[in-house]
Amino acid sequence: MRMALNEGWLKVKEIQNKPLAQSLSLDLHQGEAEAITLAIDLGINLLVMDEKIGRERAKDLGLKTVGVLGVLLNAKKHGRIKSLKDAMTALRDEIGFFISDDLYRQILAQAGE
């Protein structure tokens, strides 16, 4: 993260609409609430979020969402990663990211793997 900050492609921004973040925090973790709030503050309409309730709240506020698996599928389709299977297996095995067996198979089928 430090390198991304130093190279300028990652920036730290503070939320402006603190009441919205506080309201969202009633149902969501602080990070999810602040991510939604920041997207709205910045006029961004696509948010990467995996938690179901967070995605629902974001959609309620007019945001589109994509999960990590959607990002990986897009990366595979555009040739940015070689193996979606390897990436999903690493998510499961190395960081404990939950992917149901059905979803795992569906995503691989969409990727042609």
Protein backbone atom coordinates (compact mmCIF):
# COMPACT_ATOMS: atom_id res chain seq x y z
CA MET A 1 0.00 0.00 0.00
CA ARG A 2 2.83 2.37 0.82
CA MET A 3 4.21 1.96 -2.72
CA ALA A 4 0.76 2.66 -4.22
CA LEU A 5 0.51 5.83 -2.15
CA ASN A 6 4.05 6.91 -3.07
CA GLU A 7 3.45 6.28 -6.78
CA GLY A 8 0.24 8.29 -6.64
CA TRP A 9 -2.28 5.77 -7.92
CA LEU A 10 -3.80 5.32 -4.46
CA LYS A 11 -4.97 8.32 -2.48
CA VAL A 12 -6.38 8.62 1.03
CA LYS A 13 -9.62 10.60 1.14
CA GLU A 14 -11.71 11.51 4.16
CA ILE A 15 -15.47 11.21 4.01
CA GLN A 16 -17.45 14.43 4.00
CA ASN A 17 -20.97 13.17 4.76
CA LYS A 18 -20.37 11.91 8.30
CA PRO A 19 -24.11 11.64 9.12
CA LEU A 20 -24.59 9.25 6.19
CA ALA A 21 -21.65 7.13 7.32
CA GLN A 22 -23.01 7.03 10.87
CA SER A 23 -26.43 6.01 9.60
CA LEU A 24 -24.98 3.25 7.42
CA SER A 25 -22.86 2.06 10.35
CA LEU A 26 -26.04 0.93 12.09
CA ASP A 27 -26.22 -2.01 9.63
CA LEU A 28 -22.68 -2.18 8.25
CA HIS A 29 -19.09 -2.33 9.41
CA GLN A 30 -17.39 1.05 9.52
CA GLY A 31 -15.25 0.37 6.44
CA GLU A 32 -18.23 -0.58 4.30
CA ALA A 33 -20.23 2.41 5.52
CA GLU A 34 -17.36 4.76 4.75
CA ALA A 35 -16.69 3.19 1.34
CA ILE A 36 -20.32 3.79 0.32
CA THR A 37 -20.23 7.31 1.74
CA LEU A 38 -16.97 8.13 -0.03
CA ALA A 39 -18.32 6.85 -3.35
CA ILE A 40 -21.30 9.16 -2.97
CA ASP A 41 -19.10 12.07 -1.83
CA LEU A 42 -16.88 11.67 -4.92
CA GLY A 43 -19.70 11.00 -7.39
CA ILE A 44 -18.43 7.50 -8.14
CA ASN A 45 -21.16 5.10 -9.21
CA LEU A 46 -19.32 1.75 -9.15
CA LEU A 47 -18.12 0.29 -5.87
CA VAL A 48 -16.18 -2.92 -5.19
CA MET A 49 -17.95 -4.64 -2.32
CA ASP A 50 -18.55 -8.27 -1.47
CA GLU A 51 -20.73 -8.20 1.63
CA LYS A 52 -24.36 -8.79 0.69
CA ILE A 53 -25.87 -6.21 3.04
CA GLY A 54 -23.30 -3.62 1.97
CA ARG A 55 -24.13 -4.24 -1.67
CA GLU A 56 -27.84 -3.86 -0.89
CA ARG A 57 -27.30 -0.54 0.92
CA ALA A 58 -25.09 0.73 -1.90
CA LYS A 59 -27.73 -0.18 -4.48
CA ASP A 60 -30.41 1.51 -2.34
CA LEU A 61 -28.34 4.69 -2.66
CA GLY A 62 -28.04 4.40 -6.44
CA LEU A 63 -24.59 2.84 -6.64
CA LYS A 64 -23.63 -0.12 -8.80
CA THR A 65 -21.52 -2.79 -7.15
CA VAL A 66 -19.11 -5.46 -8.24
CA GLY A 67 -17.45 -8.07 -6.07
CA VAL A 68 -13.87 -9.28 -6.05
CA LEU A 69 -14.84 -12.24 -8.22
CA GLY A 70 -16.37 -9.88 -10.78
CA VAL A 71 -13.13 -7.89 -10.84
CA LEU A 72 -11.12 -11.09 -11.34
CA LEU A 73 -13.45 -12.33 -14.08
CA ASN A 74 -13.07 -9.02 -15.89
CA ALA A 75 -9.29 -9.21 -15.49
CA LYS A 76 -9.30 -12.71 -17.00
CA LYS A 77 -11.48 -11.64 -19.94
CA HIS A 78 -9.09 -8.75 -20.67
CA GLY A 79 -5.95 -10.88 -20.39
CA ARG A 80 -4.67 -9.28 -17.21
CA ILE A 81 -4.46 -12.59 -15.35
CA LYS A 82 -3.70 -16.02 -16.78
CA SER A 83 -5.74 -18.24 -14.49
CA LEU A 84 -8.93 -17.32 -12.73
CA LYS A 85 -8.90 -20.73 -11.07
CA ASP A 86 -5.49 -20.02 -9.51
CA ALA A 87 -6.65 -16.59 -8.31
CA MET A 88 -9.84 -17.95 -6.73
CA THR A 89 -7.99 -20.86 -5.15
CA ALA A 90 -5.50 -18.42 -3.63
CA LEU A 91 -8.36 -16.31 -2.25
CA ARG A 92 -9.90 -19.39 -0.66
CA ASP A 93 -6.74 -21.04 0.64
CA GLU A 94 -4.52 -18.11 1.56
CA ILE A 95 -6.95 -15.59 3.05
CA GLY A 96 -10.05 -17.66 3.76
CA PHE A 97 -12.28 -15.83 1.26
CA PHE A 98 -15.57 -17.77 1.08
CA ILE A 99 -16.61 -18.91 -2.38
CA SER A 100 -19.35 -21.53 -2.58
CA ASP A 101 -18.62 -24.52 -4.78
CA ASP A 102 -21.49 -23.59 -7.11
CA LEU A 103 -20.27 -20.02 -7.54
CA TYR A 104 -16.70 -21.26 -8.03
CA ARG A 105 -17.87 -23.49 -10.91
CA GLN A 106 -20.08 -20.77 -12.41
CA ILE A 107 -17.30 -18.20 -12.47
CA LEU A 108 -14.85 -20.69 -14.04
CA ALA A 109 -17.44 -21.56 -16.70
CA GLN A 110 -17.92 -17.86 -17.50
CA ALA A 111 -14.17 -17.51 -17.84
CA GLY A 112 -13.90 -20.57 -20.07
CA GLU A 113 -11.72 -22.45 -17.61
